[in-house]
Amino acid sequence: MELNAEVFSQFDRKWALVCAGTLEHHNAMTISWGGLGTLWSRPVATVYVKPVRHTYGFMEESDWFTVSFYGEEYRRALEVMGTTSGRDTDKDGAAGLTPVAAGEGVTYAQAEVTLLCRKIYRQDLDTAHMPPEVVDTYYRTEAAHRMYVGEVVDVIRK
C-alpha cells in the first residue's frame, strides 16, 4: 500500500478553519494542527484549541463544529482568521469570508470542503506526558490545548 503524503499537509501546510456556534453567534480560527482517522468505528476529525482563544468558549458550548479547507487563494483570509480575535472585531468581514449554515454547524461559502462534526470527546493535553522541548516551545506561558474529537457526520463539497 502506498500512502499519499499529501494528506498530512492538509492541516500543517494548507491550514484549515475550525468553527463552532450558530450562524448568528459563532467564531472560527485557523488551525494547523489536526487529524483525520477512525475512532470507535466512526470517521473522526481531531482538532486542538487553547483555552485563551475566543473559539474555545464556542467549542465548549456547542455539540457541533466544522473543519473547513480552502484553496491557496484564501491564504491571506486564513492568516486574518488566525491572527485576529473575534472578541474585538468582525473576523469574517476582515477576512472577506461569508458564513453559511452547514447542518448543525457553520462554515464559509468559500470553503472547498467542510467536515461537519458532532463532538464525541474532549480532553486537555497533559504537559506531564510531553517531551520537555515541546512544553518549553508551546506551553511555557499558556495552558495546553484541549483536544476535541468530532464524528464526521457529513462532508460538504463546494
Protein backbone atom coordinates (compact mmCIF):
# COMPACT_ATOMS: atom_id res chain seq x y z
CA MET A 1 0.00 0.00 0.00
CA GLU A 2 1.29 3.44 -0.93
CA LEU A 3 0.32 6.28 1.39
CA ASN A 4 -0.06 9.66 -0.26
CA ALA A 5 1.85 12.14 1.93
CA GLU A 6 -0.42 14.95 0.67
CA VAL A 7 -2.99 14.05 3.32
CA PHE A 8 -0.53 15.09 6.04
CA SER A 9 -0.14 18.60 4.61
CA GLN A 10 -3.86 19.46 4.84
CA PHE A 11 -3.51 20.92 8.32
CA ASP A 12 0.19 21.66 8.64
CA ARG A 13 0.89 23.43 5.38
CA LYS A 14 -2.50 24.30 3.89
CA TRP A 15 -4.27 25.12 7.16
CA ALA A 16 -7.97 24.88 7.91
CA LEU A 17 -10.64 26.69 9.90
CA VAL A 18 -12.41 25.25 12.91
CA CYS A 19 -15.75 26.91 13.62
CA ALA A 20 -18.33 26.45 16.36
CA GLY A 21 -21.55 28.18 17.32
CA THR A 22 -24.62 29.23 15.38
CA LEU A 23 -24.90 31.24 12.21
CA GLU A 24 -25.92 34.23 14.34
CA HIS A 25 -23.20 33.75 17.00
CA HIS A 26 -20.08 31.81 16.04
CA ASN A 27 -16.33 32.07 15.93
CA ALA A 28 -13.71 30.41 13.79
CA MET A 29 -9.95 30.21 13.95
CA THR A 30 -7.21 28.95 11.72
CA ILE A 31 -5.71 25.63 12.73
CA SER A 32 -2.58 23.90 11.56
CA TRP A 33 -2.79 21.00 14.00
CA GLY A 34 -5.38 18.34 13.44
CA GLY A 35 -6.00 14.87 12.22
CA LEU A 36 -8.43 12.61 10.43
CA GLY A 37 -8.97 8.98 11.28
CA THR A 38 -11.22 6.40 12.86
CA LEU A 39 -12.27 6.08 16.50
CA TRP A 40 -14.91 3.73 17.91
CA SER A 41 -15.63 2.57 14.33
CA ARG A 42 -16.54 6.14 13.33
CA PRO A 43 -14.81 8.58 10.96
CA VAL A 44 -13.41 11.43 13.08
CA ALA A 45 -11.64 14.75 12.89
CA THR A 46 -9.43 15.83 15.79
CA VAL A 47 -8.60 19.48 16.46
CA TYR A 48 -6.76 21.35 19.21
CA VAL A 49 -7.75 24.70 20.75
CA LYS A 50 -6.02 26.62 23.55
CA PRO A 51 -8.22 27.94 26.38
CA VAL A 52 -7.01 31.51 25.70
CA ARG A 53 -8.60 31.50 22.24
CA HIS A 54 -12.05 33.06 21.78
CA THR A 55 -13.10 29.97 19.79
CA TYR A 56 -12.54 27.82 22.91
CA GLY A 57 -15.78 29.03 24.54
CA PHE A 58 -17.74 28.28 21.38
CA MET A 59 -16.21 24.79 21.22
CA GLU A 60 -17.17 24.19 24.84
CA GLU A 61 -20.76 25.38 24.40
CA SER A 62 -21.54 23.60 21.15
CA ASP A 63 -22.12 19.93 20.39
CA TRP A 64 -21.09 20.59 16.77
CA PHE A 65 -18.11 22.07 14.97
CA THR A 66 -16.85 22.25 11.41
CA VAL A 67 -13.42 21.87 9.91
CA SER A 68 -13.13 23.55 6.52
CA PHE A 69 -10.40 23.61 3.88
CA TYR A 70 -9.63 26.33 1.31
CA GLY A 71 -7.75 26.93 -1.87
CA GLU A 72 -4.45 28.81 -1.87
CA GLU A 73 -6.23 31.99 -2.97
CA TYR A 74 -7.68 32.21 0.57
CA ARG A 75 -4.32 32.02 2.34
CA ARG A 76 -4.50 35.69 3.41
CA ALA A 77 -8.05 35.19 4.73
CA LEU A 78 -6.85 32.27 6.85
CA GLU A 79 -3.98 34.41 8.16
CA VAL A 80 -6.53 37.02 9.28
CA MET A 81 -8.71 34.34 10.91
CA GLY A 82 -5.68 33.05 12.82
CA THR A 83 -4.27 36.38 14.00
CA THR A 84 -7.41 38.43 14.72
CA SER A 85 -9.58 37.94 17.78
CA GLY A 86 -13.32 37.60 17.37
CA ARG A 87 -13.65 39.25 20.79
CA ASP A 88 -12.67 42.60 19.32
CA THR A 89 -13.58 42.59 15.65
CA ASP A 90 -15.68 41.09 12.89
CA LYS A 91 -13.17 38.45 11.77
CA ASP A 92 -15.39 37.15 9.00
CA GLY A 93 -15.67 40.61 7.46
CA ALA A 94 -11.98 41.38 7.93
CA ALA A 95 -11.07 38.12 6.18
CA GLY A 96 -13.67 38.58 3.45
CA LEU A 97 -15.37 35.28 4.28
CA THR A 98 -19.12 34.62 4.15
CA PRO A 99 -20.54 32.43 6.93
CA VAL A 100 -23.18 29.89 5.89
CA ALA A 101 -25.11 27.17 7.69
CA ALA A 102 -23.75 23.64 7.39
CA GLY A 103 -26.23 21.28 9.02
CA GLU A 104 -25.95 21.96 12.76
CA GLY A 105 -22.75 23.94 12.24
CA VAL A 106 -21.30 26.95 10.45
CA THR A 107 -18.81 27.08 7.60
CA TYR A 108 -17.92 29.60 4.91
CA ALA A 109 -19.16 29.88 1.33
CA GLN A 110 -15.54 29.95 0.12
CA ALA A 111 -14.65 26.53 1.62
CA GLU A 112 -13.71 23.80 -0.85
CA VAL A 113 -14.55 21.06 1.65
CA THR A 114 -16.21 21.21 5.06
CA LEU A 115 -16.41 18.41 7.60
CA LEU A 116 -19.48 18.65 9.82
CA CYS A 117 -18.53 17.12 13.17
CA ARG A 118 -20.56 16.09 16.19
CA LYS A 119 -18.35 16.41 19.26
CA ILE A 120 -17.88 12.99 20.87
CA TYR A 121 -14.81 13.53 23.09
CA ARG A 122 -12.67 16.24 24.61
CA GLN A 123 -9.67 16.25 26.88
CA ASP A 124 -6.93 18.63 27.96
CA LEU A 125 -3.45 17.71 26.86
CA ASP A 126 -1.24 16.94 29.87
CA THR A 127 2.21 18.54 29.80
CA ALA A 128 3.47 15.87 32.21
CA HIS A 129 3.29 13.40 29.31
CA MET A 130 5.06 15.59 26.73
CA PRO A 131 8.70 15.86 25.78
CA PRO A 132 10.34 18.77 27.64
CA GLU A 133 11.20 20.61 24.42
CA VAL A 134 7.52 20.61 23.41
CA VAL A 135 6.48 22.04 26.78
CA ASP A 136 9.23 24.65 26.52
CA THR A 137 8.25 25.64 22.98
CA TYR A 138 4.44 25.67 23.21
CA TYR A 139 3.37 25.81 26.85
CA ARG A 140 5.87 27.86 28.79
CA THR A 141 3.40 30.74 29.31
CA GLU A 142 -0.03 29.33 28.39
CA ALA A 143 -2.15 26.32 29.28
CA ALA A 144 -2.01 23.32 26.99
CA HIS A 145 -4.51 22.80 24.18
CA ARG A 146 -7.78 20.98 24.64
CA MET A 147 -8.26 18.17 22.13
CA TYR A 148 -11.68 17.82 20.52
CA VAL A 149 -12.71 14.72 18.61
CA GLY A 150 -15.72 15.02 16.38
CA GLU A 151 -17.54 12.31 14.49
CA VAL A 152 -17.65 13.40 10.85
CA VAL A 153 -21.36 13.16 10.02
CA ASP A 154 -21.21 14.96 6.66
CA VAL A 155 -18.66 16.06 4.08
CA ILE A 156 -19.80 19.16 2.23
CA ARG A 157 -18.08 19.97 -1.06
CA LYS A 158 -18.28 23.23 -2.98
